[in-house]
């Protein structure tokens, strides 16, 4: 019986500590957002995107190479903005890449 009470008390203690830690992280994140300084873009070229647009992610093949008996394809992710008619308005490359490697037939 004492073991069960000890285990139950330990579990409740862990729950309380994890809740307190989570609450502290949330309050820190909220205070960081309130202290944030707005960033302004001072570039002379302003890209205007029509208000009725939506974006999607697209991967495009950017490079194919051969290495150690394999064919390696490099894909880059692009954020594609389209208007309400489905026409591409703007395409912005991201820093995400995926690689596919195929065994070369000999």
C-alpha atoms as a PDB file:
ATOM      1  CA  UNK A   1       0.000   0.000   0.000  1.00  0.00           C
ATOM      2  CA  UNK A   2       2.864   2.369   0.826  1.00  0.00           C
ATOM      3  CA  UNK A   3       4.445   1.698  -2.584  1.00  0.00           C
ATOM      4  CA  UNK A   4       1.224   2.616  -4.384  1.00  0.00           C
ATOM      5  CA  UNK A   5       0.896   5.867  -2.414  1.00  0.00           C
ATOM      6  CA  UNK A   6       4.549   6.710  -3.109  1.00  0.00           C
ATOM      7  CA  UNK A   7       4.141   6.075  -6.867  1.00  0.00           C
ATOM      8  CA  UNK A   8       0.911   8.093  -6.945  1.00  0.00           C
ATOM      9  CA  UNK A   9       2.545  11.019  -5.108  1.00  0.00           C
ATOM     10  CA  UNK A  10       5.538  10.912  -7.464  1.00  0.00           C
ATOM     11  CA  UNK A  11       3.262  10.931 -10.528  1.00  0.00           C
ATOM     12  CA  UNK A  12       1.264  13.887  -9.196  1.00  0.00           C
ATOM     13  CA  UNK A  13       4.511  15.718  -8.454  1.00  0.00           C
ATOM     14  CA  UNK A  14       5.761  15.166 -12.012  1.00  0.00           C
ATOM     15  CA  UNK A  15       2.479  16.447 -13.435  1.00  0.00           C
ATOM     16  CA  UNK A  16       2.669  19.601 -11.311  1.00  0.00           C
ATOM     17  CA  UNK A  17       6.307  20.260 -12.268  1.00  0.00           C
ATOM     18  CA  UNK A  18       5.663  19.745 -15.990  1.00  0.00           C
ATOM     19  CA  UNK A  19       2.599  22.024 -15.863  1.00  0.00           C
ATOM     20  CA  UNK A  20       4.586  24.756 -14.088  1.00  0.00           C
ATOM     21  CA  UNK A  21       7.396  24.457 -16.645  1.00  0.00           C
ATOM     22  CA  UNK A  22       4.932  24.671 -19.542  1.00  0.00           C
ATOM     23  CA  UNK A  23       3.215  27.721 -17.997  1.00  0.00           C
ATOM     24  CA  UNK A  24       6.605  29.412 -17.557  1.00  0.00           C
ATOM     25  CA  UNK A  25       7.531  28.763 -21.212  1.00  0.00           C
ATOM     26  CA  UNK A  26       4.200  30.172 -22.388  1.00  0.00           C
ATOM     27  CA  UNK A  27       4.564  33.348 -20.310  1.00  0.00           C
ATOM     28  CA  UNK A  28       8.134  33.814 -21.573  1.00  0.00           C
ATOM     29  CA  UNK A  29       6.997  33.401 -25.185  1.00  0.00           C
ATOM     30  CA  UNK A  30       4.195  35.911 -24.696  1.00  0.00           C
ATOM     31  CA  UNK A  31       6.496  38.475 -23.103  1.00  0.00           C
ATOM     32  CA  UNK A  32       9.015  38.017 -25.960  1.00  0.00           C
ATOM     33  CA  UNK A  33       6.279  38.794 -28.488  1.00  0.00           C
ATOM     34  CA  UNK A  34       5.265  41.931 -26.587  1.00  0.00           C
ATOM     35  CA  UNK A  35       8.870  43.176 -26.480  1.00  0.00           C
ATOM     36  CA  UNK A  36       9.425  42.535 -30.191  1.00  0.00           C
ATOM     37  CA  UNK A  37      10.523  45.475 -32.291  1.00  0.00           C
ATOM     38  CA  UNK A  38       8.740  45.873 -35.622  1.00  0.00           C
ATOM     39  CA  UNK A  39      10.953  45.354 -38.663  1.00  0.00           C
ATOM     40  CA  UNK A  40      10.506  47.641 -41.633  1.00  0.00           C
ATOM     41  CA  UNK A  41      11.500  46.921 -45.206  1.00  0.00           C
ATOM     42  CA  UNK A  42      13.286  49.963 -46.617  1.00  0.00           C
ATOM     43  CA  UNK A  43      14.002  48.523 -50.040  1.00  0.00           C
ATOM     44  CA  UNK A  44      13.082  50.714 -52.979  1.00  0.00           C
ATOM     45  CA  UNK A  45      11.505  47.808 -54.856  1.00  0.00           C
ATOM     46  CA  UNK A  46       8.241  46.710 -53.354  1.00  0.00           C
ATOM     47  CA  UNK A  47       6.575  43.568 -54.573  1.00  0.00           C
ATOM     48  CA  UNK A  48       2.862  43.880 -54.353  1.00  0.00           C
ATOM     49  CA  UNK A  49       0.797  40.740 -54.239  1.00  0.00           C
ATOM     50  CA  UNK A  50      -2.913  41.110 -54.980  1.00  0.00           C
ATOM     51  CA  UNK A  51      -5.143  40.682 -51.945  1.00  0.00           C
ATOM     52  CA  UNK A  52      -7.010  37.712 -53.377  1.00  0.00           C
ATOM     53  CA  UNK A  53      -4.049  35.315 -53.411  1.00  0.00           C
ATOM     54  CA  UNK A  54      -3.204  32.045 -51.755  1.00  0.00           C
ATOM     55  CA  UNK A  55       0.053  30.195 -51.448  1.00  0.00           C
ATOM     56  CA  UNK A  56       1.074  26.583 -51.757  1.00  0.00           C
ATOM     57  CA  UNK A  57       4.354  24.695 -51.557  1.00  0.00           C
ATOM     58  CA  UNK A  58       5.837  23.098 -54.620  1.00  0.00           C
ATOM     59  CA  UNK A  59       9.029  21.077 -55.117  1.00  0.00           C
ATOM     60  CA  UNK A  60      11.018  21.526 -58.300  1.00  0.00           C
ATOM     61  CA  UNK A  61      13.962  19.581 -59.699  1.00  0.00           C
ATOM     62  CA  UNK A  62      16.998  21.883 -59.637  1.00  0.00           C
ATOM     63  CA  UNK A  63      19.927  19.524 -60.234  1.00  0.00           C
ATOM     64  CA  UNK A  64      20.755  15.963 -61.282  1.00  0.00           C
ATOM     65  CA  UNK A  65      24.205  14.486 -60.748  1.00  0.00           C
ATOM     66  CA  UNK A  66      25.992  11.134 -60.627  1.00  0.00           C
ATOM     67  CA  UNK A  67      28.057  10.039 -57.631  1.00  0.00           C
ATOM     68  CA  UNK A  68      29.446   6.633 -56.604  1.00  0.00           C
ATOM     69  CA  UNK A  69      27.218   4.663 -58.972  1.00  0.00           C
ATOM     70  CA  UNK A  70      24.065   6.573 -58.027  1.00  0.00           C
ATOM     71  CA  UNK A  71      21.976   9.218 -59.748  1.00  0.00           C
ATOM     72  CA  UNK A  72      21.185  12.011 -57.268  1.00  0.00           C
ATOM     73  CA  UNK A  73      18.267  14.369 -57.883  1.00  0.00           C
ATOM     74  CA  UNK A  74      18.092  17.610 -55.901  1.00  0.00           C
ATOM     75  CA  UNK A  75      14.663  19.194 -55.369  1.00  0.00           C
ATOM     76  CA  UNK A  76      14.057  22.670 -53.920  1.00  0.00           C
ATOM     77  CA  UNK A  77      10.851  23.770 -52.249  1.00  0.00           C
ATOM     78  CA  UNK A  78       9.138  26.902 -53.600  1.00  0.00           C
ATOM     79  CA  UNK A  79       6.300  28.912 -52.096  1.00  0.00           C
ATOM     80  CA  UNK A  80       3.967  29.621 -55.001  1.00  0.00           C
ATOM     81  CA  UNK A  81       1.427  32.455 -54.794  1.00  0.00           C
ATOM     82  CA  UNK A  82      -1.636  32.191 -57.028  1.00  0.00           C
ATOM     83  CA  UNK A  83      -4.545  34.553 -57.615  1.00  0.00           C
ATOM     84  CA  UNK A  84      -8.201  33.599 -57.381  1.00  0.00           C
ATOM     85  CA  UNK A  85      -8.147  32.391 -61.012  1.00  0.00           C
ATOM     86  CA  UNK A  86      -5.224  30.030 -60.391  1.00  0.00           C
ATOM     87  CA  UNK A  87      -2.595  32.115 -62.205  1.00  0.00           C
ATOM     88  CA  UNK A  88       0.876  32.123 -60.646  1.00  0.00           C
ATOM     89  CA  UNK A  89       1.564  35.615 -59.280  1.00  0.00           C
ATOM     90  CA  UNK A  90       4.879  35.022 -57.522  1.00  0.00           C
ATOM     91  CA  UNK A  91       7.209  32.106 -56.778  1.00  0.00           C
ATOM     92  CA  UNK A  92       9.651  32.337 -53.853  1.00  0.00           C
ATOM     93  CA  UNK A  93      12.378  29.717 -53.257  1.00  0.00           C
ATOM     94  CA  UNK A  94      12.747  28.431 -49.703  1.00  0.00           C
ATOM     95  CA  UNK A  95      15.829  26.955 -48.042  1.00  0.00           C
ATOM     96  CA  UNK A  96      14.344  23.438 -47.941  1.00  0.00           C
ATOM     97  CA  UNK A  97      15.880  20.778 -50.184  1.00  0.00           C
ATOM     98  CA  UNK A  98      15.103  17.091 -50.735  1.00  0.00           C
ATOM     99  CA  UNK A  99      17.412  14.575 -52.360  1.00  0.00           C
ATOM    100  CA  UNK A 100      16.485  11.357 -54.163  1.00  0.00           C
ATOM    101  CA  UNK A 101      19.158   8.794 -54.893  1.00  0.00           C
ATOM    102  CA  UNK A 102      18.760   6.003 -57.435  1.00  0.00           C
ATOM    103  CA  UNK A 103      21.127   3.100 -58.102  1.00  0.00           C
ATOM    104  CA  UNK A 104      22.539   3.519 -61.601  1.00  0.00           C
ATOM    105  CA  UNK A 105      21.958   0.541 -63.902  1.00  0.00           C
ATOM    106  CA  UNK A 106      25.232  -0.768 -65.264  1.00  0.00           C
END
